[in-house]
Amino acid sequence: MDIGIVGTGNVAQAVARGWVAAGHNVVLGSRVPEGRVGLPAPVVTVEEAVVHGRIVVNATPGTESVALLTGIGAEAFTGRTILDIAVGFTAEGLSHPRESLGEEIQRAFPGVPVVKTLATVTSSVMDDPGRLGEPGTLFVSGDDAAAKAEVTGLLVDLGWPRESVLDLGGIATARGQEHFALLFLGIAGALGTHEFNVKVVPPASAG
């Protein structure tokens, strides 16, 4: 799979590392790609990363994501799926408290499937779920069933068991994921660590 990741931070590097290990063709997109060495995948411009990817991963700061992605132009995303990991935080909490960033991106690109996932775990376990010590749960949200199935396959390639991936439904359910991320930060602050797991057990009816 050709994967273009927009972003070069800890989240971008974690998923890039996992997908490269799984044999995918991955690039990282940066607004300033010159001189970026030692990363798990080649670094190109943001525009080149989008053109490269059959899957385009948004791993940018959530407060900047919509402006950055729309600045590239809608045509560049034709025939692609956007996998959105980002969450926007401000000093007051979420930068988009009444809807999710995933919904904002979907509205900006109405003809492009958007799938939200990985927003509820820290980057240190995204490509190494075994660090949790016991099975956890990842969520996917999106309006396109085929795109969610494709993204689920990529999560399996990161090491997550398929039975650990819970489909929440349409892209509007991404609100829950992003508020969970805010809760995650609150718990981390209370515990003084980012190394913990909130275990979610899917209902038996989820299969």
N, C-alpha and C. Protein backbone atom coordinates (compact mmCIF):
# COMPACT_ATOMS: atom_id res chain seq x y z
N MET A 1 0.84 -1.18 0.00
CA MET A 1 0.00 0.00 0.00
C MET A 1 0.89 1.25 0.00
N ASP A 2 0.56 2.22 -0.82
CA ASP A 2 1.25 3.51 -0.80
C ASP A 2 0.57 4.39 0.24
N ILE A 3 1.33 4.83 1.23
CA ILE A 3 0.79 5.62 2.33
C ILE A 3 1.56 6.93 2.43
N GLY A 4 0.85 8.04 2.38
CA GLY A 4 1.45 9.35 2.57
C GLY A 4 0.99 9.92 3.90
N ILE A 5 1.92 10.16 4.79
CA ILE A 5 1.60 10.68 6.12
C ILE A 5 1.91 12.17 6.16
N VAL A 6 0.91 12.98 6.45
CA VAL A 6 1.12 14.42 6.55
C VAL A 6 1.44 14.72 8.00
N GLY A 7 2.70 15.05 8.25
CA GLY A 7 3.20 15.26 9.60
C GLY A 7 4.46 14.45 9.83
N THR A 8 5.28 14.89 10.78
CA THR A 8 6.54 14.19 11.06
C THR A 8 6.78 14.04 12.56
N GLY A 9 5.78 14.31 13.38
CA GLY A 9 5.94 14.23 14.83
C GLY A 9 5.90 12.80 15.35
N ASN A 10 5.72 12.66 16.66
CA ASN A 10 5.76 11.33 17.29
C ASN A 10 4.70 10.40 16.74
N VAL A 11 3.49 10.91 16.53
CA VAL A 11 2.41 10.09 15.99
C VAL A 11 2.75 9.63 14.57
N ALA A 12 3.16 10.56 13.74
CA ALA A 12 3.51 10.23 12.35
C ALA A 12 4.63 9.21 12.30
N GLN A 13 5.64 9.39 13.14
CA GLN A 13 6.77 8.47 13.13
C GLN A 13 6.37 7.08 13.63
N ALA A 14 5.48 7.03 14.61
CA ALA A 14 5.06 5.73 15.15
C ALA A 14 4.35 4.90 14.09
N VAL A 15 3.35 5.50 13.41
CA VAL A 15 2.63 4.72 12.42
C VAL A 15 3.50 4.44 11.20
N ALA A 16 4.37 5.38 10.85
CA ALA A 16 5.29 5.13 9.73
C ALA A 16 6.19 3.94 10.03
N ARG A 17 6.72 3.89 11.22
CA ARG A 17 7.61 2.79 11.62
C ARG A 17 6.89 1.45 11.50
N GLY A 18 5.66 1.40 11.99
CA GLY A 18 4.91 0.15 11.94
C GLY A 18 4.56 -0.28 10.53
N TRP A 19 4.16 0.67 9.70
CA TRP A 19 3.77 0.30 8.34
C TRP A 19 4.96 -0.02 7.46
N VAL A 20 6.08 0.64 7.68
CA VAL A 20 7.29 0.28 6.94
C VAL A 20 7.68 -1.16 7.30
N ALA A 21 7.63 -1.50 8.58
CA ALA A 21 7.96 -2.86 9.02
C ALA A 21 7.02 -3.89 8.40
N ALA A 22 5.79 -3.47 8.12
CA ALA A 22 4.80 -4.39 7.52
C ALA A 22 4.93 -4.45 6.00
N GLY A 23 5.84 -3.68 5.42
CA GLY A 23 6.10 -3.76 3.99
C GLY A 23 5.41 -2.72 3.14
N HIS A 24 4.78 -1.73 3.76
CA HIS A 24 4.10 -0.69 2.98
C HIS A 24 5.10 0.37 2.50
N ASN A 25 4.71 1.07 1.46
CA ASN A 25 5.54 2.11 0.85
C ASN A 25 5.11 3.45 1.44
N VAL A 26 5.88 3.94 2.40
CA VAL A 26 5.47 5.07 3.22
C VAL A 26 6.39 6.27 3.01
N VAL A 27 5.79 7.47 2.95
CA VAL A 27 6.56 8.71 3.01
C VAL A 27 5.93 9.61 4.07
N LEU A 28 6.75 10.48 4.61
CA LEU A 28 6.31 11.49 5.57
C LEU A 28 6.31 12.85 4.89
N GLY A 29 5.26 13.64 5.10
CA GLY A 29 5.16 14.95 4.48
C GLY A 29 5.43 16.06 5.46
N SER A 30 6.34 16.96 5.09
CA SER A 30 6.70 18.09 5.94
C SER A 30 6.65 19.38 5.15
N ARG A 31 6.29 20.48 5.81
CA ARG A 31 6.32 21.78 5.14
C ARG A 31 7.76 22.22 4.90
N VAL A 32 8.69 21.65 5.68
CA VAL A 32 10.12 21.95 5.49
C VAL A 32 10.87 20.61 5.50
N PRO A 33 10.87 19.89 4.37
CA PRO A 33 11.46 18.55 4.36
C PRO A 33 12.98 18.52 4.30
N GLU A 34 13.60 19.63 3.94
CA GLU A 34 15.05 19.63 3.77
C GLU A 34 15.76 19.32 5.09
N GLY A 35 16.71 18.42 5.00
CA GLY A 35 17.56 18.11 6.15
C GLY A 35 16.93 17.21 7.19
N ARG A 36 15.74 16.68 6.92
CA ARG A 36 15.11 15.80 7.90
C ARG A 36 15.67 14.39 7.72
N VAL A 37 16.49 13.97 8.64
CA VAL A 37 17.12 12.65 8.56
C VAL A 37 16.82 11.87 9.83
N GLY A 38 17.04 10.56 9.76
CA GLY A 38 16.85 9.72 10.92
C GLY A 38 15.42 9.36 11.22
N LEU A 39 14.51 9.66 10.31
CA LEU A 39 13.11 9.31 10.49
C LEU A 39 12.84 7.94 9.85
N PRO A 40 11.73 7.28 10.21
CA PRO A 40 11.50 5.91 9.74
C PRO A 40 11.08 5.79 8.28
N ALA A 41 10.86 6.91 7.59
CA ALA A 41 10.46 6.88 6.18
C ALA A 41 11.01 8.14 5.51
N PRO A 42 11.13 8.13 4.18
CA PRO A 42 11.60 9.32 3.48
C PRO A 42 10.69 10.52 3.76
N VAL A 43 11.30 11.71 3.82
CA VAL A 43 10.54 12.93 4.07
C VAL A 43 10.47 13.75 2.78
N VAL A 44 9.24 14.09 2.39
CA VAL A 44 8.99 14.86 1.18
C VAL A 44 8.11 16.05 1.56
N THR A 45 7.72 16.85 0.59
CA THR A 45 6.80 17.94 0.89
C THR A 45 5.42 17.38 1.22
N VAL A 46 4.61 18.20 1.85
CA VAL A 46 3.25 17.79 2.18
C VAL A 46 2.49 17.43 0.92
N GLU A 47 2.62 18.24 -0.12
CA GLU A 47 1.92 17.98 -1.38
C GLU A 47 2.37 16.66 -1.99
N GLU A 48 3.66 16.37 -1.94
CA GLU A 48 4.17 15.12 -2.49
C GLU A 48 3.68 13.92 -1.70
N ALA A 49 3.54 14.08 -0.39
CA ALA A 49 3.04 12.98 0.43
C ALA A 49 1.60 12.63 0.06
N VAL A 50 0.78 13.66 -0.19
CA VAL A 50 -0.60 13.41 -0.58
C VAL A 50 -0.67 12.71 -1.93
N VAL A 51 0.12 13.17 -2.88
CA VAL A 51 0.13 12.55 -4.21
C VAL A 51 0.61 11.11 -4.13
N HIS A 52 1.56 10.83 -3.24
CA HIS A 52 2.12 9.49 -3.08
C HIS A 52 1.10 8.50 -2.55
N GLY A 53 0.24 8.95 -1.62
CA GLY A 53 -0.54 8.02 -0.83
C GLY A 53 -1.86 7.59 -1.44
N ARG A 54 -2.08 6.29 -1.50
CA ARG A 54 -3.45 5.80 -1.71
C ARG A 54 -4.25 6.07 -0.45
N ILE A 55 -3.56 5.94 0.69
CA ILE A 55 -4.08 6.36 1.98
C ILE A 55 -3.29 7.59 2.41
N VAL A 56 -4.00 8.67 2.74
CA VAL A 56 -3.36 9.89 3.22
C VAL A 56 -3.67 10.02 4.71
N VAL A 57 -2.65 10.03 5.53
CA VAL A 57 -2.82 10.06 6.98
C VAL A 57 -2.63 11.48 7.49
N ASN A 58 -3.62 11.99 8.20
CA ASN A 58 -3.50 13.30 8.83
C ASN A 58 -2.96 13.13 10.24
N ALA A 59 -1.67 13.47 10.41
CA ALA A 59 -1.03 13.41 11.72
C ALA A 59 -0.46 14.79 12.05
N THR A 60 -1.22 15.83 11.70
CA THR A 60 -0.83 17.21 11.96
C THR A 60 -1.51 17.70 13.23
N PRO A 61 -1.05 18.82 13.81
CA PRO A 61 -1.78 19.39 14.95
C PRO A 61 -3.23 19.68 14.55
N GLY A 62 -4.18 19.20 15.35
CA GLY A 62 -5.58 19.30 14.97
C GLY A 62 -6.08 20.72 14.79
N THR A 63 -5.45 21.67 15.44
CA THR A 63 -5.87 23.06 15.27
C THR A 63 -5.51 23.61 13.90
N GLU A 64 -4.61 22.93 13.20
CA GLU A 64 -4.14 23.40 11.90
C GLU A 64 -4.57 22.51 10.74
N SER A 65 -5.14 21.35 11.04
CA SER A 65 -5.33 20.32 10.03
C SER A 65 -6.18 20.77 8.85
N VAL A 66 -7.36 21.34 9.11
CA VAL A 66 -8.27 21.67 8.02
C VAL A 66 -7.64 22.69 7.09
N ALA A 67 -7.04 23.74 7.64
CA ALA A 67 -6.41 24.76 6.81
C ALA A 67 -5.27 24.18 5.99
N LEU A 68 -4.48 23.31 6.61
CA LEU A 68 -3.34 22.73 5.90
C LEU A 68 -3.81 21.83 4.76
N LEU A 69 -4.78 20.96 5.06
CA LEU A 69 -5.23 20.01 4.04
C LEU A 69 -5.98 20.70 2.90
N THR A 70 -6.85 21.65 3.22
CA THR A 70 -7.59 22.34 2.16
C THR A 70 -6.67 23.21 1.34
N GLY A 71 -5.58 23.66 1.94
CA GLY A 71 -4.62 24.47 1.19
C GLY A 71 -3.93 23.68 0.09
N ILE A 72 -3.91 22.37 0.23
CA ILE A 72 -3.31 21.52 -0.81
C ILE A 72 -4.22 21.46 -2.03
N GLY A 73 -5.53 21.52 -1.79
CA GLY A 73 -6.49 21.46 -2.90
C GLY A 73 -7.21 20.14 -2.95
N ALA A 74 -8.51 20.20 -3.19
CA ALA A 74 -9.35 18.99 -3.17
C ALA A 74 -8.96 17.99 -4.24
N GLU A 75 -8.52 18.47 -5.41
CA GLU A 75 -8.20 17.55 -6.50
C GLU A 75 -7.12 16.56 -6.12
N ALA A 76 -6.18 16.98 -5.28
CA ALA A 76 -5.08 16.10 -4.90
C ALA A 76 -5.55 14.88 -4.13
N PHE A 77 -6.75 14.95 -3.53
CA PHE A 77 -7.25 13.86 -2.71
C PHE A 77 -8.20 12.94 -3.46
N THR A 78 -8.42 13.20 -4.73
CA THR A 78 -9.33 12.38 -5.53
C THR A 78 -8.86 10.92 -5.56
N GLY A 79 -9.77 9.99 -5.28
CA GLY A 79 -9.43 8.58 -5.31
C GLY A 79 -8.67 8.08 -4.10
N ARG A 80 -8.55 8.91 -3.07
CA ARG A 80 -7.81 8.54 -1.88
C ARG A 80 -8.73 8.43 -0.67
N THR A 81 -8.20 7.85 0.39
CA THR A 81 -8.89 7.82 1.68
C THR A 81 -8.05 8.63 2.67
N ILE A 82 -8.71 9.47 3.45
CA ILE A 82 -8.02 10.22 4.50
C ILE A 82 -8.19 9.47 5.82
N LEU A 83 -7.09 9.08 6.41
CA LEU A 83 -7.09 8.45 7.73
C LEU A 83 -6.69 9.54 8.72
N ASP A 84 -7.64 9.95 9.53
CA ASP A 84 -7.43 11.08 10.44
C ASP A 84 -7.14 10.59 11.85
N ILE A 85 -5.95 10.97 12.35
CA ILE A 85 -5.54 10.62 13.71
C ILE A 85 -5.61 11.83 14.63
N ALA A 86 -5.59 13.02 14.08
CA ALA A 86 -5.35 14.23 14.86
C ALA A 86 -6.52 14.61 15.76
N VAL A 87 -6.18 15.32 16.82
CA VAL A 87 -7.16 15.95 17.72
C VAL A 87 -6.62 17.35 18.02
N GLY A 88 -7.52 18.35 17.99
CA GLY A 88 -7.09 19.71 18.26
C GLY A 88 -7.32 20.10 19.71
N PHE A 89 -6.26 20.54 20.37
CA PHE A 89 -6.36 20.95 21.77
C PHE A 89 -5.98 22.42 21.92
N THR A 90 -6.69 23.11 22.79
CA THR A 90 -6.33 24.47 23.20
C THR A 90 -6.22 24.47 24.72
N ALA A 91 -5.92 25.62 25.29
CA ALA A 91 -5.82 25.72 26.74
C ALA A 91 -7.17 25.44 27.41
N GLU A 92 -8.26 25.65 26.67
CA GLU A 92 -9.60 25.43 27.22
C GLU A 92 -10.11 24.01 27.00
N GLY A 93 -9.40 23.22 26.22
CA GLY A 93 -9.86 21.86 25.92
C GLY A 93 -9.80 21.59 24.43
N LEU A 94 -10.84 20.97 23.88
CA LEU A 94 -10.88 20.66 22.45
C LEU A 94 -11.10 21.94 21.64
N SER A 95 -10.42 22.04 20.52
CA SER A 95 -10.58 23.22 19.67
C SER A 95 -11.86 23.15 18.85
N HIS A 96 -12.52 22.00 18.84
CA HIS A 96 -13.77 21.81 18.09
C HIS A 96 -14.71 21.00 18.98
N PRO A 97 -15.22 21.58 20.07
CA PRO A 97 -15.97 20.80 21.06
C PRO A 97 -17.34 20.33 20.61
N ARG A 98 -17.94 20.98 19.60
CA ARG A 98 -19.31 20.64 19.22
C ARG A 98 -19.39 19.66 18.05
N GLU A 99 -18.28 19.44 17.40
CA GLU A 99 -18.19 18.40 16.38
C GLU A 99 -16.75 17.94 16.34
N SER A 100 -16.48 16.88 15.64
CA SER A 100 -15.13 16.34 15.62
C SER A 100 -14.32 16.94 14.47
N LEU A 101 -13.02 16.87 14.62
CA LEU A 101 -12.14 17.25 13.52
C LEU A 101 -12.39 16.34 12.33
N GLY A 102 -12.67 15.07 12.59
CA GLY A 102 -12.98 14.15 11.50
C GLY A 102 -14.16 14.63 10.67
N GLU A 103 -15.19 15.15 11.33
CA GLU A 103 -16.34 15.68 10.61
C GLU A 103 -15.97 16.93 9.82
N GLU A 104 -15.14 17.78 10.41
CA GLU A 104 -14.72 18.99 9.70
C GLU A 104 -13.96 18.64 8.42
N ILE A 105 -13.09 17.65 8.51
CA ILE A 105 -12.34 17.23 7.33
C ILE A 105 -13.27 16.61 6.30
N GLN A 106 -14.22 15.79 6.76
CA GLN A 106 -15.16 15.19 5.82
C GLN A 106 -15.99 16.25 5.11
N ARG A 107 -16.39 17.29 5.82
CA ARG A 107 -17.15 18.36 5.19
C ARG A 107 -16.31 19.13 4.18
N ALA A 108 -15.02 19.27 4.50
CA ALA A 108 -14.13 19.98 3.58
C ALA A 108 -13.85 19.18 2.31
N PHE A 109 -13.93 17.83 2.42
CA PHE A 109 -13.67 16.94 1.29
C PHE A 109 -14.85 15.98 1.13
N PRO A 110 -15.98 16.46 0.67
CA PRO A 110 -17.20 15.64 0.65
C PRO A 110 -17.12 14.40 -0.23
N GLY A 111 -16.24 14.40 -1.22
CA GLY A 111 -16.13 13.23 -2.10
C GLY A 111 -15.04 12.27 -1.72
N VAL A 112 -14.42 12.49 -0.56
CA VAL A 112 -13.28 11.67 -0.13
C VAL A 112 -13.64 10.96 1.17
N PRO A 113 -13.52 9.64 1.24
CA PRO A 113 -13.81 8.94 2.51
C PRO A 113 -12.82 9.37 3.60
N VAL A 114 -13.35 9.69 4.77
CA VAL A 114 -12.54 10.03 5.93
C VAL A 114 -12.81 8.99 7.01
N VAL A 115 -11.75 8.43 7.56
CA VAL A 115 -11.86 7.45 8.64
C VAL A 115 -11.06 7.94 9.83
N LYS A 116 -11.71 8.01 10.98
CA LYS A 116 -11.05 8.43 12.21
C LYS A 116 -10.65 7.21 13.02
N THR A 117 -9.39 7.19 13.48
CA THR A 117 -8.94 6.10 14.34
C THR A 117 -7.64 6.52 15.02
N LEU A 118 -7.19 5.73 15.98
CA LEU A 118 -5.92 5.90 16.69
C LEU A 118 -5.87 7.16 17.55
N ALA A 119 -7.00 7.86 17.70
CA ALA A 119 -7.01 9.10 18.49
C ALA A 119 -7.10 8.84 19.99
N THR A 120 -7.29 7.58 20.38
CA THR A 120 -7.53 7.27 21.79
C THR A 120 -6.36 6.56 22.45
N VAL A 121 -5.22 6.46 21.77
CA VAL A 121 -4.04 5.82 22.36
C VAL A 121 -2.84 6.72 22.16
N THR A 122 -1.88 6.59 23.04
CA THR A 122 -0.65 7.35 22.93
C THR A 122 0.22 6.80 21.81
N SER A 123 1.07 7.64 21.26
CA SER A 123 1.90 7.22 20.12
C SER A 123 2.80 6.04 20.46
N SER A 124 3.17 5.88 21.72
CA SER A 124 4.11 4.82 22.09
C SER A 124 3.53 3.42 21.92
N VAL A 125 2.20 3.30 21.82
CA VAL A 125 1.62 1.98 21.62
C VAL A 125 0.95 1.83 20.26
N MET A 126 0.93 2.87 19.45
CA MET A 126 0.25 2.78 18.15
C MET A 126 0.81 1.66 17.30
N ASP A 127 2.14 1.51 17.29
CA ASP A 127 2.77 0.44 16.51
C ASP A 127 3.30 -0.68 17.39
N ASP A 128 2.94 -0.65 18.67
CA ASP A 128 3.41 -1.67 19.60
C ASP A 128 2.35 -1.92 20.67
N PRO A 129 1.17 -2.44 20.27
CA PRO A 129 0.09 -2.63 21.25
C PRO A 129 0.43 -3.64 22.34
N GLY A 130 1.46 -4.44 22.12
CA GLY A 130 1.87 -5.38 23.15
C GLY A 130 2.33 -4.70 24.43
N ARG A 131 2.68 -3.42 24.34
CA ARG A 131 3.11 -2.68 25.53
C ARG A 131 1.97 -2.51 26.53
N LEU A 132 0.75 -2.70 26.08
CA LEU A 132 -0.39 -2.52 26.98
C LEU A 132 -0.48 -3.63 28.01
N GLY A 133 0.09 -4.78 27.72
CA GLY A 133 0.07 -5.88 28.66
C GLY A 133 -1.17 -6.75 28.57
N GLU A 134 -2.24 -6.21 28.05
CA GLU A 134 -3.47 -6.96 27.83
C GLU A 134 -4.19 -6.33 26.66
N PRO A 135 -5.12 -7.05 26.02
CA PRO A 135 -5.77 -6.51 24.83
C PRO A 135 -6.50 -5.21 25.12
N GLY A 136 -6.33 -4.23 24.22
CA GLY A 136 -7.07 -2.99 24.28
C GLY A 136 -8.05 -2.92 23.13
N THR A 137 -8.62 -1.74 22.91
CA THR A 137 -9.59 -1.56 21.84
C THR A 137 -9.26 -0.29 21.07
N LEU A 138 -9.28 -0.40 19.75
CA LEU A 138 -9.20 0.77 18.87
C LEU A 138 -10.57 0.97 18.24
N PHE A 139 -10.88 2.22 17.91
CA PHE A 139 -12.16 2.54 17.31
C PHE A 139 -11.96 3.07 15.89
N VAL A 140 -12.92 2.80 15.02
CA VAL A 140 -12.93 3.43 13.70
C VAL A 140 -14.29 4.09 13.51
N SER A 141 -14.27 5.28 12.92
CA SER A 141 -15.48 6.04 12.60
C SER A 141 -15.39 6.51 11.17
N GLY A 142 -16.47 6.37 10.42
CA GLY A 142 -16.47 6.84 9.04
C GLY A 142 -17.74 6.42 8.34
N ASP A 143 -18.06 7.14 7.28
CA ASP A 143 -19.30 6.89 6.54
C ASP A 143 -19.15 5.84 5.44
N ASP A 144 -17.91 5.48 5.09
CA ASP A 144 -17.65 4.58 3.97
C ASP A 144 -17.18 3.24 4.51
N ALA A 145 -17.98 2.19 4.35
CA ALA A 145 -17.65 0.88 4.90
C ALA A 145 -16.38 0.29 4.31
N ALA A 146 -16.18 0.47 2.99
CA ALA A 146 -15.00 -0.08 2.35
C ALA A 146 -13.74 0.60 2.87
N ALA A 147 -13.82 1.91 3.06
CA ALA A 147 -12.66 2.65 3.57
C ALA A 147 -12.33 2.21 4.99
N LYS A 148 -13.36 1.98 5.81
CA LYS A 148 -13.11 1.52 7.17
C LYS A 148 -12.49 0.13 7.18
N ALA A 149 -12.91 -0.72 6.27
CA ALA A 149 -12.32 -2.06 6.19
C ALA A 149 -10.84 -1.97 5.79
N GLU A 150 -10.53 -1.07 4.86
CA GLU A 150 -9.15 -0.88 4.43
C GLU A 150 -8.29 -0.36 5.58
N VAL A 151 -8.81 0.59 6.32
CA VAL A 151 -8.08 1.14 7.46
C VAL A 151 -7.91 0.09 8.55
N THR A 152 -8.93 -0.72 8.77
CA THR A 152 -8.82 -1.80 9.76
C THR A 152 -7.67 -2.73 9.41
N GLY A 153 -7.51 -3.02 8.12
CA GLY A 153 -6.38 -3.84 7.70
C GLY A 153 -5.05 -3.20 8.04
N LEU A 154 -4.97 -1.88 7.93
CA LEU A 154 -3.73 -1.19 8.28
C LEU A 154 -3.49 -1.20 9.78
N LEU A 155 -4.55 -1.17 10.57
CA LEU A 155 -4.39 -1.27 12.02
C LEU A 155 -3.88 -2.65 12.40
N VAL A 156 -4.38 -3.68 11.73
CA VAL A 156 -3.87 -5.04 11.95
C VAL A 156 -2.39 -5.10 11.60
N ASP A 157 -1.99 -4.42 10.55
CA ASP A 157 -0.58 -4.39 10.16
C ASP A 157 0.29 -3.70 11.21
N LEU A 158 -0.31 -2.82 12.02
CA LEU A 158 0.44 -2.19 13.12
C LEU A 158 0.57 -3.11 14.33
N GLY A 159 -0.11 -4.26 14.28
CA GLY A 159 -0.02 -5.22 15.37
C GLY A 159 -1.27 -5.34 16.21
N TRP A 160 -2.34 -4.60 15.87
CA TRP A 160 -3.58 -4.69 16.62
C TRP A 160 -4.40 -5.87 16.12
N PRO A 161 -4.84 -6.76 17.01
CA PRO A 161 -5.70 -7.87 16.58
C PRO A 161 -6.98 -7.33 15.95
N ARG A 162 -7.44 -7.99 14.92
CA ARG A 162 -8.66 -7.53 14.24
C ARG A 162 -9.84 -7.44 15.21
N GLU A 163 -9.88 -8.36 16.18
CA GLU A 163 -10.99 -8.34 17.13
C GLU A 163 -10.89 -7.18 18.12
N SER A 164 -9.77 -6.47 18.12
CA SER A 164 -9.62 -5.30 18.98
C SER A 164 -10.11 -4.02 18.33
N VAL A 165 -10.53 -4.10 17.07
CA VAL A 165 -10.97 -2.91 16.34
C VAL A 165 -12.50 -2.87 16.35
N LEU A 166 -13.05 -1.81 16.91
CA LEU A 166 -14.51 -1.68 17.05
C LEU A 166 -15.01 -0.55 16.15
N ASP A 167 -15.89 -0.89 15.23
CA ASP A 167 -16.50 0.09 14.32
C ASP A 167 -17.63 0.80 15.05
N LEU A 168 -17.47 2.10 15.27
CA LEU A 168 -18.47 2.88 16.00
C LEU A 168 -19.61 3.34 15.11
N GLY A 169 -19.41 3.36 13.79
CA GLY A 169 -20.44 3.86 12.89
C GLY A 169 -19.93 5.01 12.04
N GLY A 170 -20.82 5.97 11.75
CA GLY A 170 -20.49 7.07 10.86
C GLY A 170 -19.47 8.03 11.43
N ILE A 171 -19.07 8.98 10.60
CA ILE A 171 -18.01 9.91 10.99
C ILE A 171 -18.42 10.76 12.19
N ALA A 172 -19.72 10.97 12.41
CA ALA A 172 -20.15 11.73 13.58
C ALA A 172 -19.71 11.08 14.89
N THR A 173 -19.50 9.77 14.88
CA THR A 173 -19.07 9.09 16.10
C THR A 173 -17.61 9.40 16.45
N ALA A 174 -16.90 10.06 15.55
CA ALA A 174 -15.53 10.50 15.86
C ALA A 174 -15.52 11.48 17.03
N ARG A 175 -16.65 12.11 17.31
CA ARG A 175 -16.72 13.02 18.46
C ARG A 175 -16.36 12.26 19.74
N GLY A 176 -16.88 11.05 19.86
CA GLY A 176 -16.57 10.25 21.04
C GLY A 176 -15.09 9.96 21.16
N GLN A 177 -14.45 9.62 20.05
CA GLN A 177 -13.02 9.35 20.08
C GLN A 177 -12.23 10.56 20.54
N GLU A 178 -12.60 11.73 20.03
CA GLU A 178 -11.82 12.93 20.34
C GLU A 178 -12.06 13.39 21.78
N HIS A 179 -13.27 13.22 22.29
CA HIS A 179 -13.51 13.54 23.69
C HIS A 179 -12.82 12.52 24.60
N PHE A 180 -12.73 11.27 24.13
CA PHE A 180 -11.97 10.26 24.86
C PHE A 180 -10.50 10.70 24.95
N ALA A 181 -9.98 11.28 23.86
CA ALA A 181 -8.60 11.75 23.88
C ALA A 181 -8.41 12.85 24.92
N LEU A 182 -9.40 13.72 25.07
CA LEU A 182 -9.32 14.76 26.09
C LEU A 182 -9.34 14.13 27.48
N LEU A 183 -10.18 13.12 27.68
CA LEU A 183 -10.21 12.40 28.94
C LEU A 183 -8.87 11.72 29.20
N PHE A 184 -8.30 11.14 28.16
CA PHE A 184 -6.99 10.49 28.24
C PHE A 184 -5.96 11.45 28.83
N LEU A 185 -5.92 12.69 28.31
CA LEU A 185 -4.95 13.66 28.81
C LEU A 185 -5.22 14.01 30.26
N GLY A 186 -6.51 14.10 30.63
CA GLY A 186 -6.84 14.39 32.01
C GLY A 186 -6.37 13.29 32.96
N ILE A 187 -6.58 12.04 32.55
CA ILE A 187 -6.13 10.92 33.37
C ILE A 187 -4.61 10.90 33.46
N ALA A 188 -3.96 11.15 32.32
CA ALA A 188 -2.49 11.16 32.30
C ALA A 188 -1.95 12.23 33.24
N GLY A 189 -2.60 13.41 33.21
CA GLY A 189 -2.16 14.47 34.11
C GLY A 189 -2.35 14.10 35.57
N ALA A 190 -3.47 13.44 35.87
CA ALA A 190 -3.73 13.04 37.25
C ALA A 190 -2.74 11.99 37.73
N LEU A 191 -2.34 11.09 36.82
CA LEU A 191 -1.41 10.03 37.19
C LEU A 191 0.04 10.44 37.03
N GLY A 192 0.27 11.55 36.32
CA GLY A 192 1.63 11.99 36.09
C GLY A 192 2.38 11.13 35.10
N THR A 193 1.66 10.49 34.18
CA THR A 193 2.29 9.62 33.20
C THR A 193 1.42 9.51 31.97
N HIS A 194 2.03 9.17 30.83
CA HIS A 194 1.27 8.83 29.62
C HIS A 194 1.28 7.33 29.38
N GLU A 195 1.88 6.56 30.29
CA GLU A 195 2.02 5.13 30.09
C GLU A 195 0.94 4.39 30.87
N PHE A 196 -0.25 4.34 30.34
CA PHE A 196 -1.33 3.61 30.96
C PHE A 196 -2.30 3.18 29.88
N ASN A 197 -3.19 2.30 30.26
CA ASN A 197 -4.18 1.81 29.30
C ASN A 197 -5.56 1.87 29.92
N VAL A 198 -6.48 2.52 29.23
CA VAL A 198 -7.89 2.42 29.60
C VAL A 198 -8.51 1.34 28.73
N LYS A 199 -8.85 0.24 29.34
CA LYS A 199 -9.33 -0.92 28.58
C LYS A 199 -10.82 -0.77 28.28
N VAL A 200 -11.19 -0.95 27.03
CA VAL A 200 -12.58 -0.92 26.63
C VAL A 200 -12.92 -2.29 26.06
N VAL A 201 -13.91 -2.94 26.60
CA VAL A 201 -14.31 -4.26 26.13
C VAL A 201 -15.55 -4.11 25.28
N PRO A 202 -15.49 -4.44 23.97
CA PRO A 202 -16.67 -4.31 23.14
C PRO A 202 -17.76 -5.28 23.55
N PRO A 203 -19.02 -4.89 23.35
CA PRO A 203 -20.11 -5.79 23.71
C PRO A 203 -20.07 -7.06 22.89
N ALA A 204 -20.60 -8.14 23.44
CA ALA A 204 -20.56 -9.43 22.76
C ALA A 204 -21.24 -9.37 21.41
N SER A 205 -22.26 -8.51 21.28
CA SER A 205 -22.99 -8.42 20.03
C SER A 205 -22.17 -7.80 18.90
N ALA A 206 -21.03 -7.19 19.26
CA ALA A 206 -20.18 -6.56 18.25
C ALA A 206 -19.41 -7.61 17.46
N GLY A 207 -19.43 -8.84 17.89
CA GLY A 207 -18.74 -9.89 17.17
C GLY A 207 -17.28 -9.97 17.51
